[in-house]
C-alpha cells in the first residue's frame, strides 16, 4: 500500500463522500442507533461502504441523508415512508436543478425559454 502524504490525508477529511465513520460513531453523530442505520440501509436509502474486515463505514454525505430520515421518523413517519420521502425530495431537487440549468442554456442561446 502506498505511503499516505499528510496533504492527501487532509484531502480525505474534506471529502463528503469518504467513508470515515464507523457504524457506532455514525449513529452517535446523528442521534440514532446502529439498528436505525441498518434499517435505512435495508430500505436502500444509503449503502455504506465496507471496510476490509466487512464493517460498515459511512460518509458525511450519507450521515446528512440519514439525519433527514431520522427527523421524519422522530416525527412519527414510518421508516420505509421516511426513506421514500428523502429519496423523492432528492430526485425533485435534482430535477429542479437540471431544469434551471437547461433554462439558462436556452436563455443564453436565444431559445424559447429566453423569450
PDB file of N, CA and C in Angstrom:
ATOM      1  N   UNK A   1       0.862  -1.178   0.000  1.00  0.00           N
ATOM      2  CA  UNK A   1       0.000   0.000   0.000  1.00  0.00           C
ATOM      3  C   UNK A   1       0.906   1.239   0.000  1.00  0.00           C
ATOM      4  N   UNK A   2       0.612   2.255  -0.843  1.00  0.00           N
ATOM      5  CA  UNK A   2       1.464   3.440  -0.905  1.00  0.00           C
ATOM      6  C   UNK A   2       1.370   4.253   0.377  1.00  0.00           C
ATOM      7  N   UNK A   3       2.477   4.911   0.699  1.00  0.00           N
ATOM      8  CA  UNK A   3       2.526   5.789   1.868  1.00  0.00           C
ATOM      9  C   UNK A   3       1.605   6.981   1.634  1.00  0.00           C
ATOM     10  N   UNK A   4       0.798   7.325   2.624  1.00  0.00           N
ATOM     11  CA  UNK A   4      -0.126   8.444   2.501  1.00  0.00           C
ATOM     12  C   UNK A   4       0.563   9.716   2.971  1.00  0.00           C
ATOM     13  N   UNK A   5       0.546  10.731   2.133  1.00  0.00           N
ATOM     14  CA  UNK A   5       1.153  12.004   2.493  1.00  0.00           C
ATOM     15  C   UNK A   5       0.187  12.797   3.365  1.00  0.00           C
ATOM     16  N   UNK A   6       0.696  13.702   4.208  1.00  0.00           N
ATOM     17  CA  UNK A   6      -0.190  14.492   5.059  1.00  0.00           C
ATOM     18  C   UNK A   6      -1.233  15.273   4.266  1.00  0.00           C
ATOM     19  N   UNK A   7      -0.866  15.833   3.114  1.00  0.00           N
ATOM     20  CA  UNK A   7      -1.843  16.608   2.341  1.00  0.00           C
ATOM     21  C   UNK A   7      -2.929  15.700   1.781  1.00  0.00           C
ATOM     22  N   UNK A   8      -2.571  14.455   1.401  1.00  0.00           N
ATOM     23  CA  UNK A   8      -3.565  13.506   0.893  1.00  0.00           C
ATOM     24  C   UNK A   8      -4.553  13.132   2.003  1.00  0.00           C
ATOM     25  N   UNK A   9      -4.051  12.926   3.208  1.00  0.00           N
ATOM     26  CA  UNK A   9      -4.916  12.609   4.345  1.00  0.00           C
ATOM     27  C   UNK A   9      -5.855  13.762   4.638  1.00  0.00           C
ATOM     28  N   UNK A  10      -5.375  14.990   4.543  1.00  0.00           N
ATOM     29  CA  UNK A  10      -6.209  16.166   4.775  1.00  0.00           C
ATOM     30  C   UNK A  10      -7.288  16.271   3.705  1.00  0.00           C
ATOM     31  N   UNK A  11      -6.957  15.941   2.459  1.00  0.00           N
ATOM     32  CA  UNK A  11      -7.951  15.972   1.383  1.00  0.00           C
ATOM     33  C   UNK A  11      -9.129  15.057   1.705  1.00  0.00           C
ATOM     34  N   UNK A  12      -8.852  13.900   2.291  1.00  0.00           N
ATOM     35  CA  UNK A  12      -9.925  12.969   2.645  1.00  0.00           C
ATOM     36  C   UNK A  12     -10.857  13.559   3.695  1.00  0.00           C
ATOM     37  N   UNK A  13     -10.312  14.352   4.602  1.00  0.00           N
ATOM     38  CA  UNK A  13     -11.149  14.968   5.630  1.00  0.00           C
ATOM     39  C   UNK A  13     -12.136  15.952   5.024  1.00  0.00           C
ATOM     40  N   UNK A  14     -11.787  16.533   3.895  1.00  0.00           N
ATOM     41  CA  UNK A  14     -12.659  17.489   3.220  1.00  0.00           C
ATOM     42  C   UNK A  14     -13.633  16.814   2.263  1.00  0.00           C
ATOM     43  N   UNK A  15     -13.492  15.521   2.032  1.00  0.00           N
ATOM     44  CA  UNK A  15     -14.288  14.783   1.061  1.00  0.00           C
ATOM     45  C   UNK A  15     -15.583  14.290   1.706  1.00  0.00           C
ATOM     46  N   UNK A  16     -16.723  14.840   1.279  1.00  0.00           N
ATOM     47  CA  UNK A  16     -18.032  14.453   1.816  1.00  0.00           C
ATOM     48  C   UNK A  16     -18.366  12.987   1.557  1.00  0.00           C
ATOM     49  N   UNK A  17     -17.731  12.387   0.556  1.00  0.00           N
ATOM     50  CA  UNK A  17     -18.053  11.011   0.188  1.00  0.00           C
ATOM     51  C   UNK A  17     -17.086   9.984   0.768  1.00  0.00           C
ATOM     52  N   UNK A  18     -16.069  10.432   1.490  1.00  0.00           N
ATOM     53  CA  UNK A  18     -15.104   9.498   2.062  1.00  0.00           C
ATOM     54  C   UNK A  18     -15.740   8.775   3.253  1.00  0.00           C
ATOM     55  N   UNK A  19     -15.725   7.440   3.259  1.00  0.00           N
ATOM     56  CA  UNK A  19     -16.379   6.668   4.331  1.00  0.00           C
ATOM     57  C   UNK A  19     -15.539   6.650   5.609  1.00  0.00           C
ATOM     58  N   UNK A  20     -15.602   7.712   6.373  1.00  0.00           N
ATOM     59  CA  UNK A  20     -14.714   7.902   7.515  1.00  0.00           C
ATOM     60  C   UNK A  20     -15.279   7.399   8.839  1.00  0.00           C
ATOM     61  N   UNK A  21     -16.579   7.123   8.912  1.00  0.00           N
ATOM     62  CA  UNK A  21     -17.201   6.870  10.204  1.00  0.00           C
ATOM     63  C   UNK A  21     -17.687   5.434  10.354  1.00  0.00           C
ATOM     64  N   UNK A  22     -17.359   4.849  11.496  1.00  0.00           N
ATOM     65  CA  UNK A  22     -17.868   3.513  11.814  1.00  0.00           C
ATOM     66  C   UNK A  22     -19.355   3.612  12.119  1.00  0.00           C
ATOM     67  N   UNK A  23     -20.015   2.469  12.155  1.00  0.00           N
ATOM     68  CA  UNK A  23     -21.443   2.472  12.438  1.00  0.00           C
ATOM     69  C   UNK A  23     -21.743   3.095  13.803  1.00  0.00           C
ATOM     70  N   UNK A  24     -20.993   2.720  14.823  1.00  0.00           N
ATOM     71  CA  UNK A  24     -21.241   3.267  16.151  1.00  0.00           C
ATOM     72  C   UNK A  24     -21.062   4.767  16.207  1.00  0.00           C
ATOM     73  N   UNK A  25     -19.991   5.255  15.607  1.00  0.00           N
ATOM     74  CA  UNK A  25     -19.736   6.697  15.590  1.00  0.00           C
ATOM     75  C   UNK A  25     -20.781   7.421  14.761  1.00  0.00           C
ATOM     76  N   UNK A  26     -21.158   6.853  13.617  1.00  0.00           N
ATOM     77  CA  UNK A  26     -22.166   7.459  12.749  1.00  0.00           C
ATOM     78  C   UNK A  26     -23.502   7.569  13.481  1.00  0.00           C
ATOM     79  N   UNK A  27     -23.899   6.500  14.159  1.00  0.00           N
ATOM     80  CA  UNK A  27     -25.168   6.516  14.905  1.00  0.00           C
ATOM     81  C   UNK A  27     -25.128   7.585  15.986  1.00  0.00           C
ATOM     82  N   UNK A  28     -24.017   7.656  16.693  1.00  0.00           N
ATOM     83  CA  UNK A  28     -23.860   8.662  17.741  1.00  0.00           C
ATOM     84  C   UNK A  28     -23.960  10.076  17.169  1.00  0.00           C
ATOM     85  N   UNK A  29     -23.343  10.302  16.028  1.00  0.00           N
ATOM     86  CA  UNK A  29     -23.320  11.637  15.432  1.00  0.00           C
ATOM     87  C   UNK A  29     -24.704  12.132  15.030  1.00  0.00           C
ATOM     88  N   UNK A  30     -25.585  11.217  14.598  1.00  0.00           N
ATOM     89  CA  UNK A  30     -26.919  11.655  14.164  1.00  0.00           C
ATOM     90  C   UNK A  30     -27.995  11.396  15.224  1.00  0.00           C
ATOM     91  N   UNK A  31     -27.577  10.901  16.375  1.00  0.00           N
ATOM     92  CA  UNK A  31     -28.536  10.671  17.456  1.00  0.00           C
ATOM     93  C   UNK A  31     -29.460   9.505  17.183  1.00  0.00           C
ATOM     94  N   UNK A  32     -28.931   8.462  16.578  1.00  0.00           N
ATOM     95  CA  UNK A  32     -29.734   7.283  16.254  1.00  0.00           C
ATOM     96  C   UNK A  32     -29.036   6.046  16.810  1.00  0.00           C
ATOM     97  N   UNK A  33     -29.587   4.899  16.497  1.00  0.00           N
ATOM     98  CA  UNK A  33     -28.992   3.633  16.911  1.00  0.00           C
ATOM     99  C   UNK A  33     -28.372   2.943  15.706  1.00  0.00           C
ATOM    100  N   UNK A  34     -27.443   2.025  15.924  1.00  0.00           N
ATOM    101  CA  UNK A  34     -26.935   1.232  14.810  1.00  0.00           C
ATOM    102  C   UNK A  34     -28.060   0.496  14.072  1.00  0.00           C
ATOM    103  N   UNK A  35     -29.072   0.071  14.816  1.00  0.00           N
ATOM    104  CA  UNK A  35     -30.224  -0.594  14.187  1.00  0.00           C
ATOM    105  C   UNK A  35     -30.930   0.314  13.193  1.00  0.00           C
ATOM    106  N   UNK A  36     -31.028   1.593  13.514  1.00  0.00           N
ATOM    107  CA  UNK A  36     -31.636   2.552  12.582  1.00  0.00           C
ATOM    108  C   UNK A  36     -30.818   2.632  11.302  1.00  0.00           C
ATOM    109  N   UNK A  37     -29.496   2.700  11.435  1.00  0.00           N
ATOM    110  CA  UNK A  37     -28.641   2.753  10.245  1.00  0.00           C
ATOM    111  C   UNK A  37     -28.773   1.483   9.410  1.00  0.00           C
ATOM    112  N   UNK A  38     -28.866   0.331  10.075  1.00  0.00           N
ATOM    113  CA  UNK A  38     -29.079  -0.919   9.327  1.00  0.00           C
ATOM    114  C   UNK A  38     -30.414  -0.881   8.592  1.00  0.00           C
ATOM    115  N   UNK A  39     -31.447  -0.371   9.263  1.00  0.00           N
ATOM    116  CA  UNK A  39     -32.787  -0.327   8.666  1.00  0.00           C
ATOM    117  C   UNK A  39     -32.833   0.572   7.435  1.00  0.00           C
ATOM    118  N   UNK A  40     -32.200   1.739   7.497  1.00  0.00           N
ATOM    119  CA  UNK A  40     -32.243   2.607   6.314  1.00  0.00           C
ATOM    120  C   UNK A  40     -31.350   2.055   5.209  1.00  0.00           C
ATOM    121  N   UNK A  41     -30.371   1.257   5.579  1.00  0.00           N
ATOM    122  CA  UNK A  41     -29.580   0.549   4.572  1.00  0.00           C
ATOM    123  C   UNK A  41     -30.415  -0.513   3.886  1.00  0.00           C
ATOM    124  N   UNK A  42     -31.209  -1.261   4.668  1.00  0.00           N
ATOM    125  CA  UNK A  42     -32.100  -2.273   4.098  1.00  0.00           C
ATOM    126  C   UNK A  42     -33.169  -1.640   3.215  1.00  0.00           C
ATOM    127  N   UNK A  43     -33.585  -0.426   3.569  1.00  0.00           N
ATOM    128  CA  UNK A  43     -34.577   0.299   2.756  1.00  0.00           C
ATOM    129  C   UNK A  43     -33.923   0.963   1.545  1.00  0.00           C
ATOM    130  N   UNK A  44     -32.616   0.802   1.409  1.00  0.00           N
ATOM    131  CA  UNK A  44     -31.832   1.319   0.287  1.00  0.00           C
ATOM    132  C   UNK A  44     -31.772   2.840   0.207  1.00  0.00           C
ATOM    133  N   UNK A  45     -31.902   3.485   1.357  1.00  0.00           N
ATOM    134  CA  UNK A  45     -31.726   4.937   1.368  1.00  0.00           C
ATOM    135  C   UNK A  45     -30.240   5.261   1.216  1.00  0.00           C
ATOM    136  N   UNK A  46     -29.414   4.536   1.946  1.00  0.00           N
ATOM    137  CA  UNK A  46     -27.966   4.689   1.812  1.00  0.00           C
ATOM    138  C   UNK A  46     -27.341   3.299   1.765  1.00  0.00           C
ATOM    139  N   UNK A  47     -26.208   3.214   1.129  1.00  0.00           N
ATOM    140  CA  UNK A  47     -25.459   1.961   1.069  1.00  0.00           C
ATOM    141  C   UNK A  47     -24.056   2.245   1.579  1.00  0.00           C
ATOM    142  N   UNK A  48     -23.808   1.885   2.830  1.00  0.00           N
ATOM    143  CA  UNK A  48     -22.472   2.158   3.370  1.00  0.00           C
ATOM    144  C   UNK A  48     -21.419   1.301   2.676  1.00  0.00           C
ATOM    145  N   UNK A  49     -20.221   1.841   2.606  1.00  0.00           N
ATOM    146  CA  UNK A  49     -19.111   1.050   2.093  1.00  0.00           C
ATOM    147  C   UNK A  49     -18.678   0.094   3.198  1.00  0.00           C
ATOM    148  N   UNK A  50     -17.918  -0.908   2.821  1.00  0.00           N
ATOM    149  CA  UNK A  50     -17.449  -1.882   3.806  1.00  0.00           C
ATOM    150  C   UNK A  50     -15.939  -1.808   3.927  1.00  0.00           C
ATOM    151  N   UNK A  51     -15.445  -1.902   5.148  1.00  0.00           N
ATOM    152  CA  UNK A  51     -14.005  -1.947   5.377  1.00  0.00           C
ATOM    153  C   UNK A  51     -13.496  -3.315   4.928  1.00  0.00           C
ATOM    154  N   UNK A  52     -12.189  -3.485   4.913  1.00  0.00           N
ATOM    155  CA  UNK A  52     -11.618  -4.781   4.542  1.00  0.00           C
ATOM    156  C   UNK A  52     -12.126  -5.889   5.457  1.00  0.00           C
ATOM    157  N   UNK A  53     -12.439  -5.555   6.692  1.00  0.00           N
ATOM    158  CA  UNK A  53     -12.972  -6.530   7.645  1.00  0.00           C
ATOM    159  C   UNK A  53     -14.474  -6.713   7.549  1.00  0.00           C
ATOM    160  N   UNK A  54     -15.138  -5.985   6.618  1.00  0.00           N
ATOM    161  CA  UNK A  54     -16.578  -6.127   6.417  1.00  0.00           C
ATOM    162  C   UNK A  54     -17.444  -5.203   7.246  1.00  0.00           C
ATOM    163  N   UNK A  55     -16.829  -4.284   7.978  1.00  0.00           N
ATOM    164  CA  UNK A  55     -17.599  -3.357   8.808  1.00  0.00           C
ATOM    165  C   UNK A  55     -18.132  -2.204   7.967  1.00  0.00           C
ATOM    166  N   UNK A  56     -19.333  -1.755   8.301  1.00  0.00           N
ATOM    167  CA  UNK A  56     -19.937  -0.625   7.588  1.00  0.00           C
ATOM    168  C   UNK A  56     -19.191   0.664   7.906  1.00  0.00           C
ATOM    169  N   UNK A  57     -19.005   1.491   6.875  1.00  0.00           N
ATOM    170  CA  UNK A  57     -18.359   2.794   7.013  1.00  0.00           C
ATOM    171  C   UNK A  57     -19.236   3.822   6.305  1.00  0.00           C
ATOM    172  N   UNK A  58     -19.444   4.971   6.946  1.00  0.00           N
ATOM    173  CA  UNK A  58     -20.354   5.998   6.442  1.00  0.00           C
ATOM    174  C   UNK A  58     -19.616   7.303   6.135  1.00  0.00           C
ATOM    175  N   UNK A  59     -20.096   7.997   5.118  1.00  0.00           N
ATOM    176  CA  UNK A  59     -19.547   9.303   4.761  1.00  0.00           C
ATOM    177  C   UNK A  59     -20.400  10.406   5.398  1.00  0.00           C
ATOM    178  N   UNK A  60     -19.869  11.622   5.383  1.00  0.00           N
ATOM    179  CA  UNK A  60     -20.651  12.764   5.893  1.00  0.00           C
ATOM    180  C   UNK A  60     -21.912  12.965   5.070  1.00  0.00           C
ATOM    181  N   UNK A  61     -21.813  12.779   3.759  1.00  0.00           N
ATOM    182  CA  UNK A  61     -22.995  12.911   2.900  1.00  0.00           C
ATOM    183  C   UNK A  61     -24.065  11.907   3.326  1.00  0.00           C
ATOM    184  N   UNK A  62     -23.677  10.659   3.545  1.00  0.00           N
ATOM    185  CA  UNK A  62     -24.639   9.645   3.965  1.00  0.00           C
ATOM    186  C   UNK A  62     -25.241   9.978   5.328  1.00  0.00           C
ATOM    187  N   UNK A  63     -24.446  10.554   6.201  1.00  0.00           N
ATOM    188  CA  UNK A  63     -24.960  10.914   7.523  1.00  0.00           C
ATOM    189  C   UNK A  63     -25.982  12.044   7.442  1.00  0.00           C
ATOM    190  N   UNK A  64     -25.789  12.975   6.527  1.00  0.00           N
ATOM    191  CA  UNK A  64     -26.800  14.038   6.348  1.00  0.00           C
ATOM    192  C   UNK A  64     -28.121  13.433   5.871  1.00  0.00           C
ATOM    193  N   UNK A  65     -28.050  12.489   4.955  1.00  0.00           N
ATOM    194  CA  UNK A  65     -29.262  11.823   4.475  1.00  0.00           C
ATOM    195  C   UNK A  65     -29.920  11.039   5.612  1.00  0.00           C
ATOM    196  N   UNK A  66     -29.120  10.304   6.360  1.00  0.00           N
ATOM    197  CA  UNK A  66     -29.640   9.515   7.482  1.00  0.00           C
ATOM    198  C   UNK A  66     -30.304  10.422   8.520  1.00  0.00           C
ATOM    199  N   UNK A  67     -29.716  11.578   8.773  1.00  0.00           N
ATOM    200  CA  UNK A  67     -30.285  12.515   9.742  1.00  0.00           C
ATOM    201  C   UNK A  67     -31.642  13.041   9.264  1.00  0.00           C
ATOM    202  N   UNK A  68     -31.783  13.267   7.968  1.00  0.00           N
ATOM    203  CA  UNK A  68     -33.083  13.705   7.431  1.00  0.00           C
ATOM    204  C   UNK A  68     -34.134  12.632   7.663  1.00  0.00           C
ATOM    205  N   UNK A  69     -33.778  11.385   7.414  1.00  0.00           N
ATOM    206  CA  UNK A  69     -34.724  10.279   7.636  1.00  0.00           C
ATOM    207  C   UNK A  69     -35.040  10.153   9.126  1.00  0.00           C
ATOM    208  N   UNK A  70     -34.039  10.289   9.977  1.00  0.00           N
ATOM    209  CA  UNK A  70     -34.263  10.194  11.424  1.00  0.00           C
ATOM    210  C   UNK A  70     -35.230  11.270  11.903  1.00  0.00           C
ATOM    211  N   UNK A  71     -35.100  12.488  11.364  1.00  0.00           N
ATOM    212  CA  UNK A  71     -36.025  13.564  11.733  1.00  0.00           C
ATOM    213  C   UNK A  71     -37.459  13.199  11.384  1.00  0.00           C
ATOM    214  N   UNK A  72     -37.662  12.615  10.210  1.00  0.00           N
ATOM    215  CA  UNK A  72     -39.012  12.203   9.805  1.00  0.00           C
ATOM    216  C   UNK A  72     -39.538  11.088  10.693  1.00  0.00           C
ATOM    217  N   UNK A  73     -38.684  10.119  11.006  1.00  0.00           N
ATOM    218  CA  UNK A  73     -39.092   9.012  11.878  1.00  0.00           C
ATOM    219  C   UNK A  73     -39.412   9.541  13.276  1.00  0.00           C
ATOM    220  N   UNK A  74     -38.606  10.456  13.764  1.00  0.00           N
ATOM    221  CA  UNK A  74     -38.868  11.059  15.077  1.00  0.00           C
ATOM    222  C   UNK A  74     -40.208  11.793  15.103  1.00  0.00           C
ATOM    223  N   UNK A  75     -40.650  12.292  13.949  1.00  0.00           N
ATOM    224  CA  UNK A  75     -41.928  12.999  13.855  1.00  0.00           C
ATOM    225  C   UNK A  75     -43.099  12.037  13.653  1.00  0.00           C
ATOM    226  N   UNK A  76     -42.816  10.714  13.630  1.00  0.00           N
ATOM    227  CA  UNK A  76     -43.889   9.731  13.540  1.00  0.00           C
ATOM    228  C   UNK A  76     -44.056   9.056  12.190  1.00  0.00           C
ATOM    229  N   UNK A  77     -43.205   9.358  11.235  1.00  0.00           N
ATOM    230  CA  UNK A  77     -43.291   8.742   9.911  1.00  0.00           C
ATOM    231  C   UNK A  77     -42.657   7.349   9.965  1.00  0.00           C
ATOM    232  N   UNK A  78     -43.335   6.337   9.426  1.00  0.00           N
ATOM    233  CA  UNK A  78     -42.719   5.005   9.381  1.00  0.00           C
ATOM    234  C   UNK A  78     -41.404   5.043   8.600  1.00  0.00           C
ATOM    235  N   UNK A  79     -40.463   4.216   8.982  1.00  0.00           N
ATOM    236  CA  UNK A  79     -39.112   4.278   8.419  1.00  0.00           C
ATOM    237  C   UNK A  79     -39.094   4.088   6.906  1.00  0.00           C
ATOM    238  N   UNK A  80     -39.888   3.159   6.382  1.00  0.00           N
ATOM    239  CA  UNK A  80     -39.923   2.948   4.927  1.00  0.00           C
ATOM    240  C   UNK A  80     -40.439   4.201   4.220  1.00  0.00           C
ATOM    241  N   UNK A  81     -41.470   4.831   4.784  1.00  0.00           N
ATOM    242  CA  UNK A  81     -42.016   6.053   4.191  1.00  0.00           C
ATOM    243  C   UNK A  81     -41.012   7.194   4.293  1.00  0.00           C
ATOM    244  N   UNK A  82     -40.328   7.288   5.418  1.00  0.00           N
ATOM    245  CA  UNK A  82     -39.324   8.352   5.592  1.00  0.00           C
ATOM    246  C   UNK A  82     -38.224   8.216   4.546  1.00  0.00           C
ATOM    247  N   UNK A  83     -37.777   6.997   4.309  1.00  0.00           N
ATOM    248  CA  UNK A  83     -36.735   6.770   3.304  1.00  0.00           C
ATOM    249  C   UNK A  83     -37.239   7.154   1.921  1.00  0.00           C
ATOM    250  N   UNK A  84     -38.461   6.788   1.612  1.00  0.00           N
ATOM    251  CA  UNK A  84     -39.027   7.128   0.297  1.00  0.00           C
ATOM    252  C   UNK A  84     -39.160   8.641   0.144  1.00  0.00           C
ATOM    253  N   UNK A  85     -39.584   9.323   1.186  1.00  0.00           N
ATOM    254  CA  UNK A  85     -39.717  10.783   1.143  1.00  0.00           C
ATOM    255  C   UNK A  85     -38.366  11.431   0.858  1.00  0.00           C
ATOM    256  N   UNK A  86     -37.335  10.997   1.551  1.00  0.00           N
ATOM    257  CA  UNK A  86     -36.000  11.576   1.358  1.00  0.00           C
ATOM    258  C   UNK A  86     -35.524  11.325  -0.072  1.00  0.00           C
ATOM    259  N   UNK A  87     -35.748  10.124  -0.583  1.00  0.00           N
ATOM    260  CA  UNK A  87     -35.363   9.808  -1.964  1.00  0.00           C
ATOM    261  C   UNK A  87     -36.104  10.708  -2.944  1.00  0.00           C
ATOM    262  N   UNK A  88     -37.412  10.868  -2.760  1.00  0.00           N
ATOM    263  CA  UNK A  88     -38.205  11.707  -3.665  1.00  0.00           C
ATOM    264  C   UNK A  88     -37.803  13.183  -3.565  1.00  0.00           C
ATOM    265  N   UNK A  89     -37.501  13.650  -2.355  1.00  0.00           N
ATOM    266  CA  UNK A  89     -37.038  15.039  -2.211  1.00  0.00           C
ATOM    267  C   UNK A  89     -35.737  15.256  -2.979  1.00  0.00           C
ATOM    268  N   UNK A  90     -34.830  14.299  -2.887  1.00  0.00           N
ATOM    269  CA  UNK A  90     -33.561  14.422  -3.612  1.00  0.00           C
ATOM    270  C   UNK A  90     -33.774  14.386  -5.117  1.00  0.00           C
ATOM    271  N   UNK A  91     -34.684  13.524  -5.581  1.00  0.00           N
ATOM    272  CA  UNK A  91     -34.973  13.461  -7.018  1.00  0.00           C
ATOM    273  C   UNK A  91     -35.592  14.764  -7.500  1.00  0.00           C
ATOM    274  N   UNK A  92     -36.496  15.331  -6.721  1.00  0.00           N
ATOM    275  CA  UNK A  92     -37.115  16.607  -7.087  1.00  0.00           C
ATOM    276  C   UNK A  92     -36.073  17.718  -7.131  1.00  0.00           C
ATOM    277  N   UNK A  93     -35.206  17.767  -6.130  1.00  0.00           N
ATOM    278  CA  UNK A  93     -34.155  18.791  -6.103  1.00  0.00           C
ATOM    279  C   UNK A  93     -33.259  18.689  -7.344  1.00  0.00           C
ATOM    280  N   UNK A  94     -32.897  17.476  -7.719  1.00  0.00           N
ATOM    281  CA  UNK A  94     -32.055  17.270  -8.899  1.00  0.00           C
ATOM    282  C   UNK A  94     -32.797  17.680 -10.173  1.00  0.00           C
ATOM    283  N   UNK A  95     -34.081  17.326 -10.278  1.00  0.00           N
ATOM    284  CA  UNK A  95     -34.862  17.698 -11.455  1.00  0.00           C
ATOM    285  C   UNK A  95     -34.978  19.217 -11.575  1.00  0.00           C
ATOM    286  N   UNK A  96     -35.215  19.891 -10.457  1.00  0.00           N
ATOM    287  CA  UNK A  96     -35.305  21.353 -10.484  1.00  0.00           C
ATOM    288  C   UNK A  96     -33.973  21.981 -10.883  1.00  0.00           C
ATOM    289  N   UNK A  97     -32.878  21.419 -10.376  1.00  0.00           N
ATOM    290  CA  UNK A  97     -31.543  21.924 -10.730  1.00  0.00           C
ATOM    291  C   UNK A  97     -31.291  21.762 -12.228  1.00  0.00           C
ATOM    292  N   UNK A  98     -31.618  20.589 -12.776  1.00  0.00           N
ATOM    293  CA  UNK A  98     -31.430  20.356 -14.210  1.00  0.00           C
ATOM    294  C   UNK A  98     -32.320  21.258 -15.050  1.00  0.00           C
ATOM    295  N   UNK A  99     -33.558  21.464 -14.612  1.00  0.00           N
ATOM    296  CA  UNK A  99     -34.482  22.336 -15.320  1.00  0.00           C
ATOM    297  C   UNK A  99     -33.938  23.760 -15.377  1.00  0.00           C
ATOM    298  N   UNK A 100     -33.436  24.232 -14.252  1.00  0.00           N
ATOM    299  CA  UNK A 100     -32.863  25.591 -14.197  1.00  0.00           C
ATOM    300  C   UNK A 100     -31.642  25.691 -15.104  1.00  0.00           C
ATOM    301  N   UNK A 101     -30.823  24.659 -15.099  1.00  0.00           N
ATOM    302  CA  UNK A 101     -29.637  24.641 -15.953  1.00  0.00           C
ATOM    303  C   UNK A 101     -30.034  24.700 -17.436  1.00  0.00           C
ATOM    304  N   UNK A 102     -31.039  23.927 -17.799  1.00  0.00           N
ATOM    305  CA  UNK A 102     -31.495  23.930 -19.194  1.00  0.00           C
ATOM    306  C   UNK A 102     -32.113  25.270 -19.577  1.00  0.00           C
ATOM    307  N   UNK A 103     -32.843  25.879 -18.664  1.00  0.00           N
ATOM    308  CA  UNK A 103     -33.408  27.205 -18.933  1.00  0.00           C
ATOM    309  C   UNK A 103     -32.308  28.231 -19.151  1.00  0.00           C
ATOM    310  N   UNK A 104     -31.254  28.144 -18.355  1.00  0.00           N
ATOM    311  CA  UNK A 104     -30.124  29.064 -18.507  1.00  0.00           C
ATOM    312  C   UNK A 104     -29.458  28.898 -19.852  1.00  0.00           C
ATOM    313  N   UNK A 105     -29.263  27.665 -20.294  1.00  0.00           N
ATOM    314  CA  UNK A 105     -28.668  27.417 -21.614  1.00  0.00           C
ATOM    315  C   UNK A 105     -29.549  27.952 -22.724  1.00  0.00           C
ATOM    316  N   UNK A 106     -30.847  27.710 -22.578  1.00  0.00           N
ATOM    317  CA  UNK A 106     -31.786  28.164 -23.596  1.00  0.00           C
ATOM    318  C   UNK A 106     -31.815  29.688 -23.680  1.00  0.00           C
ATOM    319  N   UNK A 107     -31.779  30.350 -22.528  1.00  0.00           N
ATOM    320  CA  UNK A 107     -31.801  31.813 -22.490  1.00  0.00           C
ATOM    321  C   UNK A 107     -30.525  32.383 -23.140  1.00  0.00           C
ATOM    322  N   UNK A 108     -29.397  31.746 -22.884  1.00  0.00           N
ATOM    323  CA  UNK A 108     -28.130  32.222 -23.460  1.00  0.00           C
ATOM    324  C   UNK A 108     -28.090  32.024 -24.975  1.00  0.00           C
ATOM    325  N   UNK A 109     -28.780  30.983 -25.445  1.00  0.00           N
ATOM    326  CA  UNK A 109     -28.753  30.710 -26.897  1.00  0.00           C
ATOM    327  C   UNK A 109     -29.903  31.384 -27.621  1.00  0.00           C
ATOM    328  N   UNK A 110     -30.763  32.085 -26.873  1.00  0.00           N
ATOM    329  CA  UNK A 110     -31.890  32.782 -27.502  1.00  0.00           C
ATOM    330  C   UNK A 110     -33.043  31.872 -27.845  1.00  0.00           C
ATOM    331  N   UNK A 111     -33.089  30.712 -27.190  1.00  0.00           N
ATOM    332  CA  UNK A 111     -34.166  29.735 -27.419  1.00  0.00           C
ATOM    333  C   UNK A 111     -35.477  30.192 -26.833  1.00  0.00           C
ATOM    334  N   UNK A 112     -36.521  29.370 -26.938  1.00  0.00           N
ATOM    335  CA  UNK A 112     -37.862  29.719 -26.482  1.00  0.00           C
ATOM    336  C   UNK A 112     -37.950  30.095 -25.004  1.00  0.00           C
ATOM    337  N   UNK A 113     -37.154  29.451 -24.146  1.00  0.00           N
ATOM    338  CA  UNK A 113     -37.242  29.762 -22.716  1.00  0.00           C
ATOM    339  C   UNK A 113     -36.707  31.152 -22.423  1.00  0.00           C
ATOM    340  N   UNK A 114     -35.900  31.712 -23.280  1.00  0.00           N
ATOM    341  CA  UNK A 114     -35.320  33.032 -23.043  1.00  0.00           C
ATOM    342  C   UNK A 114     -36.161  34.153 -23.597  1.00  0.00           C
ATOM    343  N   UNK A 115     -37.264  33.870 -24.211  1.00  0.00           N
ATOM    344  CA  UNK A 115     -38.115  34.921 -24.810  1.00  0.00           C
ATOM    345  C   UNK A 115     -39.156  35.422 -23.872  1.00  0.00           C
TER     346      UNK A 115
END
